[in-house]
Structures are given as structure tokens and as C-alpha cells.
Protein backbone atom coordinates (compact mmCIF):
# COMPACT_ATOMS: atom_id res chain seq x y z
CA UNK A 1 17.89 -22.64 34.88
CA UNK A 2 19.60 -19.90 36.87
CA UNK A 3 17.74 -17.99 39.53
CA UNK A 4 17.37 -14.23 39.30
CA UNK A 5 16.03 -11.50 41.57
CA UNK A 6 13.21 -10.67 39.16
CA UNK A 7 10.70 -13.01 37.49
CA UNK A 8 11.78 -14.67 34.28
CA UNK A 9 9.02 -15.09 31.71
CA UNK A 10 9.57 -17.39 28.75
CA UNK A 11 8.13 -17.91 25.30
CA UNK A 12 8.47 -20.94 23.08
CA UNK A 13 9.51 -19.81 19.61
CA UNK A 14 8.08 -22.96 18.03
CA UNK A 15 4.75 -22.67 19.90
CA UNK A 16 3.98 -18.93 20.18
CA UNK A 17 0.27 -19.68 20.68
CA UNK A 18 1.12 -20.94 24.18
CA UNK A 19 1.76 -17.34 25.21
CA UNK A 20 3.99 -16.45 28.16
CA UNK A 21 5.26 -19.13 30.53
CA UNK A 22 6.96 -19.41 33.92
CA UNK A 23 8.92 -22.15 35.66
CA UNK A 24 6.92 -24.01 38.30
CA UNK A 25 9.52 -26.66 39.13
CA UNK A 26 13.22 -26.72 38.32
CA UNK A 27 14.78 -30.16 38.82
CA UNK A 28 18.18 -31.50 37.76
CA UNK A 29 16.78 -33.50 34.86
CA UNK A 30 13.65 -31.56 33.90
CA UNK A 31 11.76 -28.29 34.24
CA UNK A 32 8.00 -27.81 34.57
CA UNK A 33 6.52 -24.72 32.91
CA UNK A 34 3.06 -23.18 33.10
CA UNK A 35 1.90 -21.25 30.03
CA UNK A 36 -0.89 -18.74 29.54
CA UNK A 37 -3.05 -21.20 27.64
CA UNK A 38 -3.46 -22.96 30.98
CA UNK A 39 -1.42 -26.13 30.63
CA UNK A 40 1.70 -27.34 32.36
CA UNK A 41 4.51 -28.52 30.10
CA UNK A 42 7.39 -30.74 31.20
CA UNK A 43 10.71 -30.39 29.38
CA UNK A 44 13.71 -32.68 29.75
CA UNK A 45 16.63 -30.32 30.16
CA UNK A 46 18.99 -31.81 27.58
CA UNK A 47 16.18 -31.56 25.00
CA UNK A 48 14.89 -28.06 25.75
CA UNK A 49 14.77 -26.06 22.53
CA UNK A 50 13.06 -22.84 21.56
CA UNK A 51 12.43 -21.55 25.09
CA UNK A 52 13.69 -17.99 25.39
CA UNK A 53 13.37 -15.40 28.16
CA UNK A 54 11.33 -12.56 26.74
CA UNK A 55 13.12 -9.21 26.29
CA UNK A 56 10.08 -7.31 25.10
CA UNK A 57 8.51 -6.62 28.50
CA UNK A 58 9.23 -4.26 31.35
CA UNK A 59 10.07 -5.48 34.88
CA UNK A 60 6.57 -4.46 35.97
CA UNK A 61 4.97 -6.47 33.17
CA UNK A 62 7.14 -9.49 33.99
CA UNK A 63 6.11 -9.33 37.63
CA UNK A 64 2.43 -8.98 36.70
CA UNK A 65 2.53 -12.02 34.39
CA UNK A 66 4.41 -14.08 36.97
CA UNK A 67 1.89 -13.16 39.68
CA UNK A 68 -1.10 -13.83 37.43
CA UNK A 69 0.13 -17.28 36.41
CA UNK A 70 1.08 -18.26 39.93
CA UNK A 71 -2.35 -17.04 41.04
CA UNK A 72 -3.71 -20.24 39.55
CA UNK A 73 -1.96 -22.07 42.39
CA UNK A 74 -2.85 -19.82 45.33
CA UNK A 75 -1.95 -20.84 48.85
CA UNK A 76 -4.64 -20.29 51.53
CA UNK A 77 -2.91 -17.13 52.72
CA UNK A 78 -2.94 -15.75 49.19
CA UNK A 79 -6.60 -16.36 48.39
CA UNK A 80 -9.03 -13.49 47.85
CA UNK A 81 -10.20 -11.77 51.04
CA UNK A 82 -13.56 -12.64 52.55
CA UNK A 83 -16.58 -10.87 51.14
CA UNK A 84 -17.03 -7.46 52.71
CA UNK A 85 -13.33 -6.85 53.29
CA UNK A 86 -11.06 -4.81 51.10
CA UNK A 87 -7.87 -6.22 49.71
CA UNK A 88 -4.78 -4.11 50.11
CA UNK A 89 -3.18 -3.20 46.83
CA UNK A 90 0.41 -4.23 46.48
CA UNK A 91 2.66 -1.26 45.79
CA UNK A 92 3.45 -0.99 42.10
CA UNK A 93 7.06 -1.80 41.34
CA UNK A 94 8.95 0.78 39.40
CA UNK A 95 11.97 0.42 37.18
CA UNK A 96 15.08 2.21 38.34
CA UNK A 97 15.24 5.81 37.22
CA UNK A 98 18.14 8.24 37.25
CA UNK A 99 18.59 11.62 38.84
CA UNK A 100 20.48 12.90 35.81
CA UNK A 101 21.75 11.95 32.37
CA UNK A 102 25.27 11.73 33.82
CA UNK A 103 24.11 9.07 36.27
CA UNK A 104 22.38 7.13 33.52
CA UNK A 105 25.44 7.35 31.32
CA UNK A 106 27.68 6.03 34.12
CA UNK A 107 25.47 2.96 34.32
CA UNK A 108 25.63 2.45 30.55
CA UNK A 109 29.42 2.84 30.41
CA UNK A 110 29.84 0.40 33.29
CA UNK A 111 27.54 -2.25 31.84
CA UNK A 112 28.47 -1.76 28.16
CA UNK A 113 32.19 -1.21 28.16
CA UNK A 114 33.19 0.42 24.89
CA UNK A 115 29.74 1.92 24.44
CA UNK A 116 27.95 1.36 21.15
CA UNK A 117 31.04 -0.22 19.59
CA UNK A 118 31.76 -2.43 22.59
CA UNK A 119 31.68 -6.21 22.57
CA UNK A 120 28.63 -6.56 24.81
CA UNK A 121 26.51 -4.02 22.95
CA UNK A 122 27.26 -5.68 19.62
CA UNK A 123 26.62 -9.17 21.00
CA UNK A 124 23.35 -8.34 22.75
CA UNK A 125 21.85 -5.45 20.79
CA UNK A 126 23.25 -4.49 17.41
CA UNK A 127 24.99 -7.51 15.97
CA UNK A 128 28.06 -7.22 13.77
CA UNK A 129 29.87 -8.54 10.73
CA UNK A 130 31.89 -11.02 12.78
CA UNK A 131 28.95 -12.16 14.87
CA UNK A 132 26.41 -14.82 13.98
CA UNK A 133 23.07 -13.08 13.49
CA UNK A 134 20.49 -13.99 16.11
CA UNK A 135 16.94 -13.03 16.86
CA UNK A 136 17.08 -9.75 18.75
CA UNK A 137 19.98 -8.24 16.81
CA UNK A 138 18.82 -4.91 15.41
CA UNK A 139 21.35 -4.71 12.56
CA UNK A 140 20.21 -7.81 10.65
CA UNK A 141 16.56 -6.89 11.25
CA UNK A 142 17.12 -3.49 9.66
CA UNK A 143 18.82 -5.12 6.66
CA UNK A 144 15.82 -7.44 6.29
CA UNK A 145 13.42 -4.49 6.45
CA UNK A 146 15.30 -2.57 3.75
CA UNK A 147 15.33 -5.65 1.55
CA UNK A 148 11.73 -6.76 2.04
CA UNK A 149 10.02 -3.35 2.27
CA UNK A 150 11.89 -1.37 -0.38
CA UNK A 151 9.94 0.98 -2.71
CA UNK A 152 10.32 -1.38 -5.68
CA UNK A 153 8.73 -4.19 -3.68
CA UNK A 154 5.59 -2.11 -3.17
CA UNK A 155 5.39 -1.76 -6.95
CA UNK A 156 6.08 -5.39 -7.90
CA UNK A 157 5.03 -7.65 -5.02
CA UNK A 158 1.50 -8.76 -4.24
CA UNK A 159 -0.47 -7.62 -1.21
CA UNK A 160 0.00 -10.98 0.47
CA UNK A 161 3.74 -11.01 -0.24
CA UNK A 162 4.15 -7.56 1.32
CA UNK A 163 1.95 -8.48 4.28
CA UNK A 164 4.08 -11.56 4.95
CA UNK A 165 7.26 -9.50 4.51
CA UNK A 166 6.11 -7.04 7.18
CA UNK A 167 5.29 -9.95 9.49
CA UNK A 168 8.74 -11.47 8.93
CA UNK A 169 10.42 -8.24 9.98
CA UNK A 170 8.29 -8.10 13.14
CA UNK A 171 9.09 -11.76 13.89
CA UNK A 172 12.83 -11.20 13.42
CA UNK A 173 13.03 -8.90 16.43
CA UNK A 174 12.32 -9.34 20.14
CA UNK A 175 11.04 -5.79 20.51
CA UNK A 176 7.40 -6.76 20.03
CA UNK A 177 6.19 -9.92 21.73
CA UNK A 178 4.62 -12.49 19.36
CA UNK A 179 1.22 -12.12 21.05
CA UNK A 180 1.24 -8.40 20.21
CA UNK A 181 3.14 -8.64 16.94
CA UNK A 182 3.38 -11.62 14.61
CA UNK A 183 0.43 -13.53 16.09
CA UNK A 184 -1.70 -10.37 16.14
CA UNK A 185 -0.66 -9.71 12.54
CA UNK A 186 -1.87 -13.17 11.61
CA UNK A 187 -5.33 -12.29 12.94
CA UNK A 188 -5.78 -9.55 10.35
CA UNK A 189 -8.56 -10.49 7.95
CA UNK A 190 -7.62 -10.88 4.31
CA UNK A 191 -10.01 -8.12 3.29
CA UNK A 192 -8.13 -5.69 5.59
CA UNK A 193 -4.65 -6.49 4.36
CA UNK A 194 -4.68 -4.40 1.18
CA UNK A 195 -5.48 -1.26 3.18
CA UNK A 196 -2.74 -2.14 5.67
CA UNK A 197 -0.13 -2.66 2.93
CA UNK A 198 -1.13 0.58 1.20
CA UNK A 199 -0.87 2.52 4.47
CA UNK A 200 2.48 0.91 5.26
CA UNK A 201 3.85 1.86 1.84
CA UNK A 202 2.70 5.44 2.33
CA UNK A 203 4.18 5.53 5.84
CA UNK A 204 7.58 4.25 4.70
CA UNK A 205 7.88 5.89 1.30
CA UNK A 206 5.23 8.59 1.03
CA UNK A 207 5.58 12.34 1.21
CA UNK A 208 3.74 14.99 3.12
CA UNK A 209 3.01 15.33 6.81
CA UNK A 210 4.36 12.31 8.67
CA UNK A 211 1.88 12.65 11.51
CA UNK A 212 -1.07 12.31 9.13
CA UNK A 213 0.55 9.30 7.44
CA UNK A 214 1.15 7.73 10.84
CA UNK A 215 -2.49 8.23 11.81
CA UNK A 216 -3.67 6.58 8.59
CA UNK A 217 -1.34 3.65 9.24
CA UNK A 218 -2.65 3.23 12.81
CA UNK A 219 -6.23 3.22 11.51
CA UNK A 220 -5.32 0.54 8.94
CA UNK A 221 -3.98 -1.95 11.50
CA UNK A 222 -7.10 -3.97 12.27
CA UNK A 223 -6.09 -6.89 14.49
CA UNK A 224 -8.06 -9.12 16.87
CA UNK A 225 -7.46 -11.30 19.90
CA UNK A 226 -8.08 -15.06 20.19
CA UNK A 227 -11.81 -14.43 20.71
CA UNK A 228 -12.10 -12.28 17.61
CA UNK A 229 -12.43 -9.01 19.52
CA UNK A 230 -10.63 -5.90 18.31
CA UNK A 231 -7.13 -5.75 19.78
CA UNK A 232 -5.51 -2.50 20.82
CA UNK A 233 -2.50 -1.50 18.74
CA UNK A 234 0.55 -0.98 20.93
CA UNK A 235 3.23 1.65 20.50
CA UNK A 236 6.04 -0.87 19.80
CA UNK A 237 4.08 -2.47 16.94
CA UNK A 238 2.90 0.89 15.59
CA UNK A 239 6.48 2.24 15.40
CA UNK A 240 8.65 -0.80 14.71
CA UNK A 241 8.58 -0.98 10.91
CA UNK A 242 9.47 2.65 10.14
CA UNK A 243 12.16 2.50 12.84
CA UNK A 244 13.66 -0.56 11.18
CA UNK A 245 13.49 0.92 7.68
CA UNK A 246 14.48 4.51 8.53
CA UNK A 247 16.56 4.19 11.72
CA UNK A 248 18.24 7.56 11.21
CA UNK A 249 14.87 9.32 11.16
CA UNK A 250 12.50 7.25 13.26
CA UNK A 251 12.48 5.36 16.54
CA UNK A 252 10.62 2.43 18.02
CA UNK A 253 8.71 3.51 21.11
CA UNK A 254 8.45 1.66 24.43
CA UNK A 255 6.19 4.22 26.14
CA UNK A 256 6.98 3.46 29.78
CA UNK A 257 10.73 3.75 29.27
CA UNK A 258 10.36 6.86 27.12
CA UNK A 259 8.20 8.46 29.81
CA UNK A 260 11.00 7.76 32.32
CA UNK A 261 13.60 9.13 29.89
CA UNK A 262 11.73 12.32 29.05
CA UNK A 263 12.52 14.31 32.25
CA UNK A 264 16.22 13.53 31.83
CA UNK A 265 15.98 15.22 28.42
CA UNK A 266 13.94 18.11 29.84
CA UNK A 267 10.72 16.88 28.22
CA UNK A 268 7.44 15.25 29.17
CA UNK A 269 5.42 12.47 27.50
CA UNK A 270 2.47 10.33 28.53
CA UNK A 271 2.96 6.56 28.33
CA UNK A 272 -0.80 5.96 28.46
CA UNK A 273 -1.83 7.82 25.33
CA UNK A 274 -2.88 5.76 22.35
CA UNK A 275 -0.67 5.72 19.24
CA UNK A 276 -1.12 8.86 17.15
CA UNK A 277 0.95 11.11 14.93
CA UNK A 278 1.00 13.91 17.50
CA UNK A 279 2.00 11.55 20.30
CA UNK A 280 4.72 9.98 18.18
CA UNK A 281 6.24 13.39 17.51
CA UNK A 282 6.66 13.87 21.27
CA UNK A 283 8.28 10.46 21.77
CA UNK A 284 10.57 11.11 18.80
CA UNK A 285 11.66 14.38 20.40
CA UNK A 286 12.76 12.41 23.49
CA UNK A 287 14.88 10.09 21.34
CA UNK A 288 16.51 12.94 19.43
CA UNK A 289 17.25 14.89 22.60
CA UNK A 290 18.83 11.76 24.12
CA UNK A 291 20.88 11.27 20.96
CA UNK A 292 22.26 14.81 21.31
CA UNK A 293 23.11 14.18 24.96
CA UNK A 294 24.98 11.01 24.04
CA UNK A 295 26.90 12.75 21.27
CA UNK A 296 27.79 15.65 23.55
CA UNK A 297 29.19 13.12 26.02
CA UNK A 298 31.47 11.66 23.34
CA UNK A 299 29.41 8.63 22.33
CA UNK A 300 28.44 7.89 18.76
CA UNK A 301 25.12 6.10 18.39
CA UNK A 302 24.81 5.03 14.77
CA UNK A 303 21.15 5.97 14.60
CA UNK A 304 17.98 6.15 16.66
CA UNK A 305 17.90 2.37 16.98
CA UNK A 306 21.06 2.59 19.09
CA UNK A 307 19.37 5.36 21.07
CA UNK A 308 16.36 3.09 21.59
CA UNK A 309 18.67 0.38 22.93
CA UNK A 310 20.31 2.87 25.29
CA UNK A 311 16.95 4.00 26.64
CA UNK A 312 15.35 0.60 27.13
CA UNK A 313 18.42 -1.16 28.54
CA UNK A 314 19.17 1.57 31.06
CA UNK A 315 15.58 2.39 32.04
CA UNK A 316 14.58 -1.27 32.41
CA UNK A 317 17.52 -2.03 34.67
CA UNK A 318 16.43 -2.82 38.22
CA UNK A 319 19.41 -3.04 40.58
CA UNK A 320 19.36 -5.03 43.83
CA UNK A 321 18.38 -2.88 46.80
CA UNK A 322 21.94 -2.93 48.09
CA UNK A 323 23.39 -1.79 44.78
CA UNK A 324 23.39 1.94 43.99
CA UNK A 325 23.07 2.93 40.37
CA UNK A 326 26.08 5.20 40.61
CA UNK A 327 28.71 6.18 43.13
CA UNK A 328 27.70 8.90 45.60
CA UNK A 329 28.75 12.40 44.69
CA UNK A 330 31.66 13.64 46.84
CA UNK A 331 30.51 16.12 49.46
CA UNK A 332 26.83 15.21 49.09
């Protein structure tokens, strides 16, 4: 396991109920992990399978999970302060932002040589005809969505078949973590699934005001946590399926990164607002404005899914302190 400057949080694809995990011990022959369900797991390195670093979380979220899990093994100096004293809050870490679109674009062009058609972008984000499809590739996931969630399917398939199809599309990506996506989907009661499928069909293939259709879809997603309590619907889950089916028209929203992107596009959004049609329209405006900026700079994103990748990869990047995002401007 290679060491990095930021925490690495893992999930086990074959055991998603374990939740997030971190490495406690890394030895030549084995690695010891601690998962959210509270147990340590020992893996022999030659036999490790299914463990993947999660790509669905921000640097801040990774650091918070790492700190929370390691808090179960506090050293004396790290224990809670004595009663009557106030603990100092650690400063919140913040993903690297950019002073301008030009600065952001320089980072993208340096890291993804060849842009949206380059080898790295295809291998890590989009996928391609000559590449073996893997979980996380957006291209194959969009093909699956168009196949499984086509209009004819909503006419011929059963409620359960369509519900499982939607879950498969969510599972195929790394945009939404299993605890917020596929596992949360599985918690939906059978009596709620018909309303969900109907709202999804209207969202993907209906007519009329999209904001109103989006609101009805949000209201139809009734999911619960492990204790059976209502679970909050996140922006990535609320926006993933239409973004996969209609990538030219819709975008998947990671609110923190979109909030950071908005000023670069001359806009403003609030990452903390709950999913709604009106809020989605504002996030979509950020994506479309960024798409225009990319096109004006000579790049050709295929659709808003490429724009999503540009936003999240650049805004989630956290350079070492000694590494500037871009070269200093001459004469500055």
C-alpha cells in the first residue's frame, strides 16, 4: 500500500455493509484495516481483492472519516479535554481553489495531457472502445442507463425490474458511495418502490417543467439508514440517473465542488441547500457556464458528464504545500 499526503479511505466491493475503512497497520505480508462497523480485518496482501480507494468523497470528507475511525484508538494526548475546558476546533481543511478559469485550465492540461481525448482522461474517467470497462468509467455507465432505463422499459418491465435496473446503474459508478447509493436504495420499502419508479420515469421521459418533475422525484425517494430512520437524499444520488441518461442536458452534482466552481463562472450556489428543482437549476447553470468556458478555450467536452469530471477532478485536487497550482504570472 503506497503512502499519500492525504488519508486514503477504502471500501470493500464484496462487503459494502462494512462501510468505509482505513489502514491501521501496513506490513510486508499483510494489512490491517478498521471499518465503520467497528471491526478490524486482516488481509494477506497477495489475496487482497475488492478493496478500492473511494473516489466519491471530497478531501475534507476523507479526512473526517479517517479522524473519526482513528478516534477509536485515541492516545492520551488526543483524548477529550477535561470537563469545564473548551476544546479548540481544528481548522477545516479546504480543497484547492483557483484564482481564475485560466489557472484551473492550466492544472487540467498539465494533469490530463490531451484533454478530454487524452489517454489519462479516457483511462480514469470516460473509458473508451479500446479500454476494458471498469467501475468508475462514465461511458459504459451511460450506455447501461440508456439500455436499462429506456422509455420502452418503463412500459414493459415490472416495478421491481425497473427498481433493480436503477440500482444497477448507481452501483456501476463510483460517483455515489454505496452507503448513500446502492445500499440506501436497498432500504427502500417495497410499498414505496412503485412511486419511485413512476417518478423516475417521469423525470427521465416526461414533459413539462423539469423543476417540478425533479421535486416529485426527490419526494419519491424514501430511503432509511441501518436503524430504520429516514435518510437524507444527497445531491449526487438525486442527480445521477438523469445525468447518466441525458448527459447532454443534465449533470450530476457534487455540491461542494460546484460551489467552488461557481465564482470562476461568475455565479453563486449554496452547497448546503437540500435537493430541489430550483437548486438544481442553479447548479446546472454552473456546469453549462463551465462547458462554454472550456469550449472557448479550445477544448471539446462531449457532454456535461465530461464537464462534471473536469469540475470534480480539478476542484478536489489538493497540492502539497510546496507545489503551486500554476506558475506565477510574470511581473506579479
